[in-house]
């Protein structure tokens, strides 16, 4: 998962996601308050672009971001993806 913080570009892994934010680990050390952009490749090969997110907390290589700017169609795709994940997990549990 590429992410850009100013002139720096990093790679990372998404551990948790929601329609409003992400928990990630990456090769750039991020600090709370830093602004970055994200390009997320979902398991089904779809890309989600988040042009602006803010780091809310960080611990070593791990950090969480809140989406600040998301295109309307991107938000709809992300919402659909999260809803599908929840349904799949519910089916597994039942």
Protein backbone atom coordinates (compact mmCIF):
# COMPACT_ATOMS: atom_id res chain seq x y z
CA UNK A 1 0.00 0.00 0.00
CA UNK A 2 1.83 3.14 -1.16
CA UNK A 3 1.47 6.30 0.89
CA UNK A 4 2.93 9.75 0.42
CA UNK A 5 3.88 12.14 3.20
CA UNK A 6 5.16 15.35 1.67
CA UNK A 7 8.07 14.46 -0.63
CA UNK A 8 8.42 10.95 0.86
CA UNK A 9 6.78 7.79 -0.46
CA UNK A 10 6.37 4.67 1.64
CA UNK A 11 4.91 1.19 1.45
CA UNK A 12 2.79 -0.50 4.07
CA UNK A 13 0.17 -3.01 5.10
CA UNK A 14 -3.43 -2.32 6.09
CA UNK A 15 -4.41 -4.12 9.32
CA UNK A 16 -7.83 -2.59 9.97
CA UNK A 17 -10.12 -0.48 7.84
CA UNK A 18 -13.38 1.38 8.09
CA UNK A 19 -15.15 3.96 5.97
CA UNK A 20 -13.50 6.72 7.98
CA UNK A 21 -9.95 5.48 8.56
CA UNK A 22 -7.23 2.85 8.57
CA UNK A 23 -4.70 1.17 10.89
CA UNK A 24 -1.47 0.58 9.02
CA UNK A 25 2.14 -0.37 9.38
CA UNK A 26 4.70 1.06 7.01
CA UNK A 27 8.30 1.81 6.24
CA UNK A 28 7.98 5.55 7.03
CA UNK A 29 7.80 6.70 10.64
CA UNK A 30 4.68 8.84 10.89
CA UNK A 31 3.79 11.36 13.59
CA UNK A 32 0.35 12.41 14.79
CA UNK A 33 -0.91 15.38 12.79
CA UNK A 34 1.02 14.54 9.61
CA UNK A 35 -1.00 14.67 6.39
CA UNK A 36 -0.59 11.96 3.77
CA UNK A 37 -2.28 10.43 0.74
CA UNK A 38 -2.96 6.71 0.34
CA UNK A 39 -3.40 4.32 -2.57
CA UNK A 40 -4.87 1.07 -1.29
CA UNK A 41 -5.04 -2.08 -3.41
CA UNK A 42 -7.86 -4.26 -2.13
CA UNK A 43 -7.68 -8.08 -2.35
CA UNK A 44 -9.97 -8.02 -5.41
CA UNK A 45 -7.39 -5.78 -7.18
CA UNK A 46 -9.53 -2.62 -6.91
CA UNK A 47 -7.69 0.56 -6.00
CA UNK A 48 -8.94 3.01 -3.42
CA UNK A 49 -7.33 6.46 -3.50
CA UNK A 50 -7.46 8.67 -0.43
CA UNK A 51 -6.04 12.07 -1.46
CA UNK A 52 -5.82 13.37 2.12
CA UNK A 53 -5.69 11.65 5.50
CA UNK A 54 -4.28 12.72 8.86
CA UNK A 55 -2.26 10.56 11.24
CA UNK A 56 -4.16 10.29 14.55
CA UNK A 57 -1.67 8.12 16.47
CA UNK A 58 1.57 6.26 15.86
CA UNK A 59 3.60 3.63 17.66
CA UNK A 60 6.85 2.63 15.96
CA UNK A 61 6.04 1.53 12.40
CA UNK A 62 2.31 1.30 13.16
CA UNK A 63 -0.09 4.23 12.81
CA UNK A 64 -3.75 5.10 12.30
CA UNK A 65 -5.15 7.65 9.91
CA UNK A 66 -8.49 9.36 9.53
CA UNK A 67 -9.73 10.07 6.01
CA UNK A 68 -10.06 13.81 5.50
CA UNK A 69 -10.74 14.06 1.76
CA UNK A 70 -12.40 11.23 -0.16
CA UNK A 71 -14.16 11.44 -3.52
CA UNK A 72 -17.87 10.61 -3.28
CA UNK A 73 -17.61 7.59 -5.62
CA UNK A 74 -14.55 6.33 -3.72
CA UNK A 75 -16.42 6.58 -0.42
CA UNK A 76 -19.31 4.60 -1.93
CA UNK A 77 -16.92 1.89 -3.18
CA UNK A 78 -15.20 1.71 0.21
CA UNK A 79 -18.55 1.51 2.02
CA UNK A 80 -19.65 -1.32 -0.30
CA UNK A 81 -16.35 -3.19 0.29
CA UNK A 82 -16.60 -2.88 4.10
CA UNK A 83 -20.24 -3.98 4.04
CA UNK A 84 -19.30 -7.03 1.94
CA UNK A 85 -16.50 -7.93 4.39
CA UNK A 86 -18.87 -7.73 7.34
CA UNK A 87 -21.40 -9.99 5.56
CA UNK A 88 -18.68 -12.53 4.70
CA UNK A 89 -17.41 -12.57 8.29
CA UNK A 90 -20.96 -12.99 9.58
CA UNK A 91 -21.47 -16.01 7.32
CA UNK A 92 -18.23 -17.59 8.57
CA UNK A 93 -19.26 -17.14 12.22
CA UNK A 94 -22.72 -18.60 11.66
